[in-house]
Amino acid sequence: NWPDYVFEKDYFNILYCGNLGQIQLIDMIPEAMKELKGEKIKFHIIGMGPKTDLLKSKIAEYGLEESLLYYGPIPASRAAAYFKASDALYVSLKNDGCVGKTIPNKLAMSMTFGKPILAMLDGDGRKVLMEADGGLIAEQNVQSLVQSIKAMKSLSETERKRLGINNLTYYSNNFSLEKVSEVISNELLNKLI
């Protein structure tokens, strides 16, 4: 029985929801939050995976219990409230081989919430977020992540809202079921004609 959760409004709230694995660069989050200690920033993490224990031990080691909050896995029906309460969503994918060049499903899904996205992506994922004009991209190192979090926090609420709307619009125009069905239908028709 999960309680309704609303993030503290006087903090800048970033949310990551998903697998805590090697390719998601999870180990950079506690390192970045250690440098941002004392700022009015809270980084919320939902999910589980191979990096869960590392994340929990780094939170304790760095004394980040107040700023880096780990909730474990949460049912999808409950997680939506966390997405809606956040100020920005975090999407990351290690630039490794073919996978690092793809558009992560998490990026497309995150766009549907109409929130600005803070991303650590290369390849097509980076290209999509830049085309959408829906967020900020950090290079795959701790210092860049720290700077990007500060930059996202310093944007006005109006500017963050604009980035979120851009994401939602881009998703509707490119990834929605209607759009994908239309593209497939057109391809099939072209092959028949």
N, C-alpha and C. Protein backbone atom coordinates (compact mmCIF):
# COMPACT_ATOMS: atom_id res chain seq x y z
N ASN A 1 0.85 -1.19 0.00
CA ASN A 1 0.00 0.00 0.00
C ASN A 1 0.89 1.25 0.00
N TRP A 2 1.09 1.82 -1.18
CA TRP A 2 2.01 2.95 -1.32
C TRP A 2 1.32 4.26 -1.02
N PRO A 3 1.94 5.09 -0.19
CA PRO A 3 1.32 6.39 0.10
C PRO A 3 1.45 7.34 -1.09
N ASP A 4 0.55 8.30 -1.16
CA ASP A 4 0.70 9.35 -2.18
C ASP A 4 1.95 10.12 -1.84
N TYR A 5 2.78 10.39 -2.82
CA TYR A 5 4.04 11.05 -2.54
C TYR A 5 4.17 12.30 -3.38
N VAL A 6 4.42 13.40 -2.72
CA VAL A 6 4.68 14.64 -3.43
C VAL A 6 6.04 15.14 -2.97
N PHE A 7 6.91 15.46 -3.92
CA PHE A 7 8.24 15.92 -3.55
C PHE A 7 8.18 17.30 -2.92
N GLU A 8 9.14 17.58 -2.05
CA GLU A 8 9.21 18.89 -1.40
C GLU A 8 9.41 19.98 -2.46
N LYS A 9 8.51 20.95 -2.45
CA LYS A 9 8.49 21.98 -3.50
C LYS A 9 9.67 22.93 -3.45
N ASP A 10 10.29 23.10 -2.29
CA ASP A 10 11.40 24.05 -2.24
C ASP A 10 12.73 23.40 -2.65
N TYR A 11 12.66 22.18 -3.18
CA TYR A 11 13.84 21.51 -3.73
C TYR A 11 13.65 21.31 -5.22
N PHE A 12 14.76 21.21 -5.93
CA PHE A 12 14.73 20.83 -7.34
C PHE A 12 14.79 19.31 -7.37
N ASN A 13 13.74 18.67 -7.88
CA ASN A 13 13.59 17.21 -7.81
C ASN A 13 13.82 16.54 -9.16
N ILE A 14 14.85 15.69 -9.19
CA ILE A 14 15.18 14.93 -10.39
C ILE A 14 14.79 13.48 -10.14
N LEU A 15 14.24 12.82 -11.15
CA LEU A 15 13.81 11.42 -11.00
C LEU A 15 14.47 10.52 -12.03
N TYR A 16 15.00 9.41 -11.55
CA TYR A 16 15.41 8.31 -12.43
C TYR A 16 14.57 7.10 -12.05
N CYS A 17 13.97 6.48 -13.04
CA CYS A 17 13.16 5.29 -12.80
C CYS A 17 13.56 4.23 -13.83
N GLY A 18 14.08 3.10 -13.34
CA GLY A 18 14.45 2.05 -14.29
C GLY A 18 15.48 1.10 -13.73
N ASN A 19 16.15 0.41 -14.65
CA ASN A 19 17.15 -0.58 -14.28
C ASN A 19 18.40 0.10 -13.71
N LEU A 20 18.91 -0.44 -12.62
CA LEU A 20 20.14 0.08 -12.03
C LEU A 20 21.29 -0.82 -12.46
N GLY A 21 21.73 -0.61 -13.69
CA GLY A 21 22.76 -1.47 -14.27
C GLY A 21 23.99 -0.71 -14.70
N GLN A 22 24.94 -1.44 -15.25
CA GLN A 22 26.21 -0.87 -15.70
C GLN A 22 25.99 0.15 -16.82
N ILE A 23 25.14 -0.20 -17.81
CA ILE A 23 24.99 0.69 -18.97
C ILE A 23 24.17 1.95 -18.66
N GLN A 24 23.52 2.00 -17.49
CA GLN A 24 22.76 3.19 -17.11
C GLN A 24 23.62 4.22 -16.36
N LEU A 25 24.91 3.93 -16.16
CA LEU A 25 25.84 4.88 -15.53
C LEU A 25 25.38 5.30 -14.13
N ILE A 26 24.76 4.38 -13.41
CA ILE A 26 24.20 4.66 -12.08
C ILE A 26 25.28 5.13 -11.10
N ASP A 27 26.49 4.58 -11.23
CA ASP A 27 27.55 4.92 -10.27
C ASP A 27 27.95 6.39 -10.29
N MET A 28 27.61 7.11 -11.37
CA MET A 28 27.95 8.55 -11.44
C MET A 28 27.01 9.41 -10.60
N ILE A 29 25.81 8.92 -10.32
CA ILE A 29 24.82 9.73 -9.60
C ILE A 29 25.28 10.07 -8.18
N PRO A 30 25.69 9.09 -7.35
CA PRO A 30 26.14 9.47 -6.01
C PRO A 30 27.39 10.36 -6.03
N GLU A 31 28.25 10.14 -7.02
CA GLU A 31 29.46 10.98 -7.13
C GLU A 31 29.06 12.43 -7.40
N ALA A 32 28.09 12.62 -8.30
CA ALA A 32 27.63 13.97 -8.62
C ALA A 32 26.90 14.59 -7.43
N MET A 33 26.06 13.81 -6.77
CA MET A 33 25.29 14.35 -5.65
C MET A 33 26.19 14.68 -4.45
N LYS A 34 27.30 13.97 -4.32
CA LYS A 34 28.28 14.28 -3.27
C LYS A 34 28.80 15.71 -3.47
N GLU A 35 29.04 16.08 -4.75
CA GLU A 35 29.53 17.42 -5.06
C GLU A 35 28.43 18.48 -4.93
N LEU A 36 27.18 18.05 -4.99
CA LEU A 36 26.06 18.99 -4.91
C LEU A 36 25.44 19.04 -3.51
N LYS A 37 26.11 18.42 -2.55
CA LYS A 37 25.62 18.38 -1.17
C LYS A 37 25.44 19.82 -0.68
N GLY A 38 24.33 20.09 -0.02
CA GLY A 38 24.07 21.44 0.47
C GLY A 38 23.25 22.28 -0.49
N GLU A 39 23.15 21.84 -1.77
CA GLU A 39 22.30 22.54 -2.74
C GLU A 39 20.86 22.09 -2.48
N LYS A 40 19.91 22.86 -2.96
CA LYS A 40 18.49 22.49 -2.77
C LYS A 40 18.07 21.55 -3.91
N ILE A 41 18.73 20.39 -3.95
CA ILE A 41 18.50 19.40 -5.01
C ILE A 41 18.26 18.04 -4.37
N LYS A 42 17.24 17.35 -4.87
CA LYS A 42 16.99 15.97 -4.44
C LYS A 42 16.93 15.10 -5.69
N PHE A 43 17.69 14.01 -5.66
CA PHE A 43 17.71 13.06 -6.77
C PHE A 43 16.99 11.81 -6.28
N HIS A 44 15.88 11.45 -6.93
CA HIS A 44 15.04 10.32 -6.53
C HIS A 44 15.27 9.16 -7.50
N ILE A 45 15.48 7.97 -6.96
CA ILE A 45 15.74 6.80 -7.81
C ILE A 45 14.77 5.67 -7.47
N ILE A 46 14.11 5.18 -8.52
CA ILE A 46 13.18 4.05 -8.42
C ILE A 46 13.72 2.94 -9.31
N GLY A 47 13.73 1.71 -8.80
CA GLY A 47 14.15 0.58 -9.63
C GLY A 47 15.08 -0.34 -8.87
N MET A 48 15.66 -1.27 -9.60
CA MET A 48 16.62 -2.19 -9.00
C MET A 48 17.47 -2.78 -10.11
N GLY A 49 18.56 -3.42 -9.70
CA GLY A 49 19.45 -4.02 -10.70
C GLY A 49 20.81 -4.30 -10.09
N PRO A 50 21.78 -4.65 -10.93
CA PRO A 50 23.12 -5.02 -10.44
C PRO A 50 23.82 -3.93 -9.62
N LYS A 51 23.46 -2.67 -9.84
CA LYS A 51 24.13 -1.56 -9.14
C LYS A 51 23.38 -1.11 -7.87
N THR A 52 22.33 -1.82 -7.48
CA THR A 52 21.54 -1.43 -6.32
C THR A 52 22.39 -1.34 -5.05
N ASP A 53 23.16 -2.38 -4.78
CA ASP A 53 23.96 -2.40 -3.55
C ASP A 53 25.02 -1.30 -3.55
N LEU A 54 25.64 -1.08 -4.70
CA LEU A 54 26.64 0.00 -4.82
C LEU A 54 25.99 1.34 -4.52
N LEU A 55 24.82 1.57 -5.09
CA LEU A 55 24.10 2.84 -4.88
C LEU A 55 23.80 3.03 -3.40
N LYS A 56 23.25 2.00 -2.76
CA LYS A 56 22.89 2.11 -1.34
C LYS A 56 24.14 2.35 -0.47
N SER A 57 25.23 1.68 -0.79
CA SER A 57 26.44 1.85 0.02
C SER A 57 27.04 3.25 -0.18
N LYS A 58 26.97 3.79 -1.39
CA LYS A 58 27.50 5.14 -1.64
C LYS A 58 26.64 6.21 -0.96
N ILE A 59 25.32 6.00 -0.93
CA ILE A 59 24.43 6.94 -0.23
C ILE A 59 24.85 7.01 1.24
N ALA A 60 25.09 5.85 1.85
CA ALA A 60 25.51 5.80 3.26
C ALA A 60 26.91 6.37 3.45
N GLU A 61 27.84 5.96 2.59
CA GLU A 61 29.24 6.40 2.70
C GLU A 61 29.37 7.92 2.59
N TYR A 62 28.62 8.52 1.67
CA TYR A 62 28.71 9.97 1.43
C TYR A 62 27.71 10.77 2.27
N GLY A 63 26.88 10.09 3.07
CA GLY A 63 25.88 10.78 3.88
C GLY A 63 24.86 11.53 3.04
N LEU A 64 24.35 10.85 2.01
CA LEU A 64 23.43 11.50 1.06
C LEU A 64 21.96 11.14 1.31
N GLU A 65 21.66 10.62 2.51
CA GLU A 65 20.29 10.15 2.79
C GLU A 65 19.22 11.23 2.56
N GLU A 66 19.59 12.49 2.70
CA GLU A 66 18.62 13.59 2.53
C GLU A 66 18.49 14.06 1.09
N SER A 67 19.53 13.81 0.26
CA SER A 67 19.51 14.36 -1.09
C SER A 67 19.45 13.33 -2.21
N LEU A 68 19.84 12.09 -1.92
CA LEU A 68 19.77 11.02 -2.92
C LEU A 68 18.89 9.93 -2.33
N LEU A 69 17.64 9.90 -2.77
CA LEU A 69 16.65 9.01 -2.16
C LEU A 69 16.37 7.81 -3.05
N TYR A 70 16.60 6.62 -2.50
CA TYR A 70 16.38 5.38 -3.22
C TYR A 70 15.14 4.68 -2.66
N TYR A 71 14.18 4.38 -3.55
CA TYR A 71 12.89 3.80 -3.13
C TYR A 71 12.75 2.32 -3.43
N GLY A 72 13.70 1.75 -4.17
CA GLY A 72 13.54 0.37 -4.59
C GLY A 72 12.55 0.29 -5.74
N PRO A 73 12.12 -0.92 -6.10
CA PRO A 73 11.14 -1.04 -7.18
C PRO A 73 9.75 -0.61 -6.70
N ILE A 74 9.01 0.04 -7.58
CA ILE A 74 7.65 0.50 -7.28
C ILE A 74 6.76 0.07 -8.45
N PRO A 75 5.55 -0.39 -8.18
CA PRO A 75 4.66 -0.77 -9.29
C PRO A 75 4.43 0.42 -10.23
N ALA A 76 4.33 0.12 -11.53
CA ALA A 76 4.16 1.17 -12.55
C ALA A 76 2.97 2.09 -12.22
N SER A 77 1.91 1.51 -11.69
CA SER A 77 0.71 2.31 -11.38
C SER A 77 1.02 3.38 -10.33
N ARG A 78 1.99 3.12 -9.46
CA ARG A 78 2.36 4.09 -8.41
C ARG A 78 3.44 5.05 -8.91
N ALA A 79 4.31 4.55 -9.80
CA ALA A 79 5.46 5.35 -10.26
C ALA A 79 5.03 6.61 -11.01
N ALA A 80 3.89 6.58 -11.67
CA ALA A 80 3.43 7.74 -12.43
C ALA A 80 3.36 9.00 -11.57
N ALA A 81 2.96 8.86 -10.31
CA ALA A 81 2.86 10.01 -9.41
C ALA A 81 4.23 10.65 -9.18
N TYR A 82 5.27 9.83 -9.14
CA TYR A 82 6.63 10.34 -8.95
C TYR A 82 7.09 11.12 -10.18
N PHE A 83 6.75 10.60 -11.37
CA PHE A 83 7.08 11.30 -12.61
C PHE A 83 6.42 12.68 -12.63
N LYS A 84 5.14 12.70 -12.28
CA LYS A 84 4.38 13.97 -12.31
C LYS A 84 4.91 14.97 -11.30
N ALA A 85 5.42 14.49 -10.17
CA ALA A 85 5.88 15.38 -9.10
C ALA A 85 7.30 15.91 -9.36
N SER A 86 8.01 15.33 -10.31
CA SER A 86 9.41 15.72 -10.53
C SER A 86 9.53 17.01 -11.34
N ASP A 87 10.70 17.65 -11.20
CA ASP A 87 11.02 18.86 -11.98
C ASP A 87 11.76 18.51 -13.26
N ALA A 88 12.47 17.39 -13.24
CA ALA A 88 13.21 16.93 -14.41
C ALA A 88 13.38 15.42 -14.31
N LEU A 89 13.49 14.78 -15.46
CA LEU A 89 13.69 13.34 -15.52
C LEU A 89 15.10 13.05 -16.02
N TYR A 90 15.71 12.01 -15.49
CA TYR A 90 17.07 11.65 -15.85
C TYR A 90 17.05 10.40 -16.71
N VAL A 91 17.72 10.46 -17.87
CA VAL A 91 17.81 9.32 -18.77
C VAL A 91 19.29 9.15 -19.13
N SER A 92 19.81 7.93 -18.95
CA SER A 92 21.23 7.72 -19.24
C SER A 92 21.45 6.38 -19.93
N LEU A 93 22.45 6.35 -20.79
CA LEU A 93 22.81 5.11 -21.48
C LEU A 93 24.28 5.22 -21.86
N LYS A 94 25.07 4.26 -21.38
CA LYS A 94 26.50 4.28 -21.63
C LYS A 94 26.80 4.20 -23.11
N ASN A 95 27.76 5.01 -23.54
CA ASN A 95 28.15 5.03 -24.94
C ASN A 95 29.05 3.83 -25.24
N ASP A 96 28.43 2.67 -25.33
CA ASP A 96 29.16 1.43 -25.52
C ASP A 96 28.56 0.65 -26.68
N GLY A 97 29.33 0.37 -27.69
CA GLY A 97 28.86 -0.48 -28.78
C GLY A 97 27.56 0.01 -29.41
N CYS A 98 26.78 -0.93 -29.93
CA CYS A 98 25.53 -0.60 -30.63
C CYS A 98 24.49 -0.03 -29.69
N VAL A 99 24.39 -0.59 -28.48
CA VAL A 99 23.35 -0.17 -27.54
C VAL A 99 23.45 1.32 -27.24
N GLY A 100 24.66 1.82 -27.04
CA GLY A 100 24.87 3.23 -26.71
C GLY A 100 24.49 4.18 -27.82
N LYS A 101 24.30 3.64 -29.03
CA LYS A 101 23.95 4.49 -30.18
C LYS A 101 22.44 4.53 -30.44
N THR A 102 21.69 3.71 -29.72
CA THR A 102 20.25 3.59 -29.99
C THR A 102 19.43 4.67 -29.27
N ILE A 103 18.15 4.73 -29.61
CA ILE A 103 17.21 5.60 -28.90
C ILE A 103 16.65 4.75 -27.75
N PRO A 104 16.99 5.08 -26.50
CA PRO A 104 16.46 4.27 -25.40
C PRO A 104 14.94 4.39 -25.31
N ASN A 105 14.29 3.25 -25.08
CA ASN A 105 12.85 3.26 -24.86
C ASN A 105 12.51 4.21 -23.71
N LYS A 106 13.40 4.27 -22.71
CA LYS A 106 13.19 5.15 -21.56
C LYS A 106 13.09 6.62 -21.98
N LEU A 107 13.83 7.02 -23.02
CA LEU A 107 13.77 8.41 -23.50
C LEU A 107 12.39 8.70 -24.06
N ALA A 108 11.91 7.83 -24.94
CA ALA A 108 10.57 8.02 -25.53
C ALA A 108 9.50 8.02 -24.44
N MET A 109 9.58 7.07 -23.51
CA MET A 109 8.60 6.99 -22.42
C MET A 109 8.64 8.25 -21.55
N SER A 110 9.84 8.73 -21.25
CA SER A 110 9.97 9.93 -20.42
C SER A 110 9.37 11.16 -21.08
N MET A 111 9.45 11.21 -22.40
CA MET A 111 8.90 12.35 -23.14
C MET A 111 7.40 12.49 -22.92
N THR A 112 6.72 11.36 -22.69
CA THR A 112 5.26 11.39 -22.54
C THR A 112 4.81 12.13 -21.29
N PHE A 113 5.72 12.34 -20.32
CA PHE A 113 5.34 13.02 -19.08
C PHE A 113 5.42 14.54 -19.18
N GLY A 114 5.91 15.04 -20.33
CA GLY A 114 5.96 16.49 -20.53
C GLY A 114 6.87 17.20 -19.54
N LYS A 115 7.99 16.55 -19.20
CA LYS A 115 8.98 17.13 -18.28
C LYS A 115 10.29 17.35 -19.03
N PRO A 116 11.10 18.30 -18.58
CA PRO A 116 12.42 18.44 -19.19
C PRO A 116 13.27 17.21 -18.84
N ILE A 117 14.17 16.85 -19.74
CA ILE A 117 14.98 15.66 -19.55
C ILE A 117 16.45 16.04 -19.43
N LEU A 118 17.07 15.52 -18.40
CA LEU A 118 18.51 15.64 -18.21
C LEU A 118 19.07 14.30 -18.67
N ALA A 119 19.90 14.33 -19.71
CA ALA A 119 20.33 13.06 -20.30
C ALA A 119 21.84 12.92 -20.39
N MET A 120 22.27 11.69 -20.27
CA MET A 120 23.65 11.32 -20.57
C MET A 120 23.54 10.28 -21.68
N LEU A 121 23.54 10.77 -22.91
CA LEU A 121 23.29 9.91 -24.08
C LEU A 121 24.20 10.29 -25.23
N ASP A 122 24.46 9.32 -26.09
CA ASP A 122 25.13 9.59 -27.36
C ASP A 122 24.26 9.00 -28.46
N GLY A 123 24.76 9.03 -29.67
CA GLY A 123 24.06 8.41 -30.78
C GLY A 123 22.70 9.00 -31.05
N ASP A 124 21.76 8.13 -31.45
CA ASP A 124 20.43 8.59 -31.84
C ASP A 124 19.62 9.17 -30.68
N GLY A 125 19.87 8.67 -29.46
CA GLY A 125 19.16 9.22 -28.30
C GLY A 125 19.48 10.69 -28.11
N ARG A 126 20.75 11.04 -28.21
CA ARG A 126 21.20 12.44 -28.10
C ARG A 126 20.57 13.28 -29.21
N LYS A 127 20.60 12.71 -30.43
CA LYS A 127 20.06 13.42 -31.60
C LYS A 127 18.57 13.73 -31.40
N VAL A 128 17.83 12.76 -30.92
CA VAL A 128 16.38 12.93 -30.69
C VAL A 128 16.12 14.04 -29.67
N LEU A 129 16.84 14.00 -28.54
CA LEU A 129 16.60 15.01 -27.51
C LEU A 129 16.97 16.41 -28.00
N MET A 130 18.02 16.50 -28.81
CA MET A 130 18.41 17.79 -29.38
C MET A 130 17.36 18.28 -30.39
N GLU A 131 16.87 17.38 -31.22
CA GLU A 131 15.82 17.73 -32.19
C GLU A 131 14.56 18.19 -31.47
N ALA A 132 14.23 17.49 -30.40
CA ALA A 132 13.02 17.83 -29.64
C ALA A 132 13.19 19.16 -28.91
N ASP A 133 14.43 19.54 -28.63
CA ASP A 133 14.73 20.71 -27.78
C ASP A 133 14.00 20.53 -26.45
N GLY A 134 14.27 19.35 -25.83
CA GLY A 134 13.52 18.99 -24.63
C GLY A 134 14.35 18.83 -23.38
N GLY A 135 15.60 19.27 -23.40
CA GLY A 135 16.39 19.11 -22.18
C GLY A 135 17.84 19.46 -22.35
N LEU A 136 18.65 18.96 -21.43
CA LEU A 136 20.09 19.20 -21.43
C LEU A 136 20.82 17.87 -21.49
N ILE A 137 21.95 17.89 -22.17
CA ILE A 137 22.74 16.67 -22.30
C ILE A 137 24.07 16.84 -21.60
N ALA A 138 24.37 15.88 -20.73
CA ALA A 138 25.66 15.85 -20.03
C ALA A 138 26.58 14.88 -20.74
N GLU A 139 27.86 15.19 -20.75
CA GLU A 139 28.85 14.22 -21.23
C GLU A 139 28.94 13.12 -20.17
N GLN A 140 29.55 12.01 -20.53
CA GLN A 140 29.53 10.85 -19.64
C GLN A 140 30.67 10.90 -18.62
N ASN A 141 30.64 11.96 -17.79
CA ASN A 141 31.57 12.07 -16.67
C ASN A 141 30.90 12.85 -15.55
N VAL A 142 31.39 12.70 -14.34
CA VAL A 142 30.75 13.26 -13.15
C VAL A 142 30.69 14.79 -13.22
N GLN A 143 31.78 15.45 -13.62
CA GLN A 143 31.80 16.92 -13.65
C GLN A 143 30.74 17.47 -14.59
N SER A 144 30.59 16.84 -15.74
CA SER A 144 29.59 17.29 -16.71
C SER A 144 28.17 17.08 -16.15
N LEU A 145 27.97 15.97 -15.45
CA LEU A 145 26.67 15.71 -14.83
C LEU A 145 26.36 16.77 -13.77
N VAL A 146 27.35 17.10 -12.95
CA VAL A 146 27.17 18.14 -11.92
C VAL A 146 26.78 19.47 -12.58
N GLN A 147 27.52 19.86 -13.62
CA GLN A 147 27.25 21.13 -14.31
C GLN A 147 25.87 21.14 -14.95
N SER A 148 25.48 19.99 -15.53
CA SER A 148 24.16 19.90 -16.19
C SER A 148 23.02 19.97 -15.18
N ILE A 149 23.21 19.34 -14.01
CA ILE A 149 22.18 19.42 -12.96
C ILE A 149 22.04 20.87 -12.51
N LYS A 150 23.15 21.56 -12.29
CA LYS A 150 23.11 22.97 -11.89
C LYS A 150 22.43 23.82 -12.96
N ALA A 151 22.78 23.56 -14.22
CA ALA A 151 22.20 24.33 -15.34
C ALA A 151 20.69 24.11 -15.42
N MET A 152 20.25 22.85 -15.26
CA MET A 152 18.81 22.55 -15.32
C MET A 152 18.08 23.23 -14.16
N LYS A 153 18.69 23.19 -12.98
CA LYS A 153 18.08 23.82 -11.80
C LYS A 153 17.95 25.32 -11.99
N SER A 154 18.93 25.93 -12.66
CA SER A 154 18.94 27.39 -12.80
C SER A 154 17.98 27.91 -13.87
N LEU A 155 17.42 27.01 -14.69
CA LEU A 155 16.44 27.45 -15.69
C LEU A 155 15.17 27.93 -14.99
N SER A 156 14.51 28.89 -15.61
CA SER A 156 13.25 29.37 -15.05
C SER A 156 12.19 28.28 -15.19
N GLU A 157 11.16 28.38 -14.38
CA GLU A 157 10.07 27.41 -14.46
C GLU A 157 9.43 27.44 -15.85
N THR A 158 9.33 28.63 -16.42
CA THR A 158 8.76 28.81 -17.76
C THR A 158 9.59 28.06 -18.79
N GLU A 159 10.91 28.18 -18.69
CA GLU A 159 11.80 27.51 -19.63
C GLU A 159 11.73 26.00 -19.47
N ARG A 160 11.67 25.52 -18.23
CA ARG A 160 11.55 24.07 -18.01
C ARG A 160 10.22 23.55 -18.55
N LYS A 161 9.17 24.34 -18.37
CA LYS A 161 7.85 23.96 -18.89
C LYS A 161 7.90 23.86 -20.42
N ARG A 162 8.59 24.83 -21.05
CA ARG A 162 8.72 24.83 -22.52
C ARG A 162 9.44 23.56 -22.99
N LEU A 163 10.51 23.18 -22.31
CA LEU A 163 11.25 21.96 -22.68
C LEU A 163 10.35 20.72 -22.55
N GLY A 164 9.56 20.68 -21.47
CA GLY A 164 8.65 19.56 -21.25
C GLY A 164 7.59 19.45 -22.34
N ILE A 165 7.03 20.59 -22.72
CA ILE A 165 6.01 20.62 -23.78
C ILE A 165 6.65 20.16 -25.10
N ASN A 166 7.88 20.61 -25.35
CA ASN A 166 8.60 20.18 -26.56
C ASN A 166 8.75 18.67 -26.60
N ASN A 167 9.03 18.06 -25.45
CA ASN A 167 9.17 16.59 -25.40
C ASN A 167 7.86 15.89 -25.73
N LEU A 168 6.79 16.38 -25.13
CA LEU A 168 5.47 15.79 -25.37
C LEU A 168 5.08 15.91 -26.84
N THR A 169 5.32 17.08 -27.42
CA THR A 169 5.02 17.33 -28.83
C THR A 169 5.84 16.41 -29.73
N TYR A 170 7.13 16.32 -29.42
CA TYR A 170 8.01 15.47 -30.23
C TYR A 170 7.56 14.01 -30.16
N TYR A 171 7.21 13.55 -28.96
CA TYR A 171 6.73 12.18 -28.80
C TYR A 171 5.48 11.96 -29.66
N SER A 172 4.52 12.88 -29.58
CA SER A 172 3.26 12.74 -30.33
C SER A 172 3.51 12.70 -31.83
N ASN A 173 4.47 13.51 -32.29
CA ASN A 173 4.75 13.60 -33.73
C ASN A 173 5.63 12.47 -34.25
N ASN A 174 6.32 11.77 -33.38
CA ASN A 174 7.30 10.79 -33.85
C ASN A 174 7.16 9.38 -33.29
N PHE A 175 6.71 9.25 -32.05
CA PHE A 175 6.72 7.93 -31.41
C PHE A 175 5.34 7.40 -31.04
N SER A 176 4.29 8.20 -31.16
CA SER A 176 2.97 7.72 -30.74
C SER A 176 2.54 6.55 -31.61
N LEU A 177 1.64 5.72 -31.09
CA LEU A 177 1.16 4.56 -31.82
C LEU A 177 0.56 4.96 -33.16
N GLU A 178 -0.18 6.08 -33.17
CA GLU A 178 -0.80 6.57 -34.41
C GLU A 178 0.27 6.89 -35.44
N LYS A 179 1.33 7.58 -35.00
CA LYS A 179 2.40 7.99 -35.92
C LYS A 179 3.15 6.78 -36.44
N VAL A 180 3.50 5.85 -35.56
CA VAL A 180 4.23 4.65 -35.97
C VAL A 180 3.38 3.81 -36.93
N SER A 181 2.08 3.69 -36.64
CA SER A 181 1.17 2.94 -37.53
C SER A 181 1.10 3.59 -38.90
N GLU A 182 1.05 4.91 -38.93
CA GLU A 182 0.99 5.65 -40.19
C GLU A 182 2.26 5.41 -41.02
N VAL A 183 3.41 5.46 -40.39
CA VAL A 183 4.68 5.23 -41.09
C VAL A 183 4.74 3.81 -41.65
N ILE A 184 4.34 2.82 -40.85
CA ILE A 184 4.36 1.43 -41.30
C ILE A 184 3.38 1.25 -42.46
N SER A 185 2.18 1.80 -42.35
CA SER A 185 1.18 1.70 -43.42
C SER A 185 1.70 2.29 -44.72
N ASN A 186 2.32 3.47 -44.62
CA ASN A 186 2.87 4.13 -45.82
C ASN A 186 3.97 3.30 -46.45
N GLU A 187 4.83 2.71 -45.63
CA GLU A 187 5.91 1.85 -46.15
C GLU A 187 5.33 0.64 -46.87
N LEU A 188 4.33 0.02 -46.26
CA LEU A 188 3.72 -1.17 -46.88
C LEU A 188 3.03 -0.80 -48.19
N LEU A 189 2.32 0.31 -48.21
CA LEU A 189 1.64 0.77 -49.43
C LEU A 189 2.65 1.05 -50.54
N ASN A 190 3.74 1.70 -50.19
CA ASN A 190 4.78 2.01 -51.19
C ASN A 190 5.37 0.75 -51.79
N LYS A 191 5.46 -0.32 -51.01
CA LYS A 191 6.02 -1.57 -51.50
C LYS A 191 5.01 -2.30 -52.42
N LEU A 192 3.72 -2.05 -52.17
CA LEU A 192 2.68 -2.70 -52.98
C LEU A 192 2.47 -1.98 -54.31
N ILE A 193 2.73 -0.68 -54.31
CA ILE A 193 2.44 0.12 -55.53
C ILE A 193 3.57 -0.02 -56.54
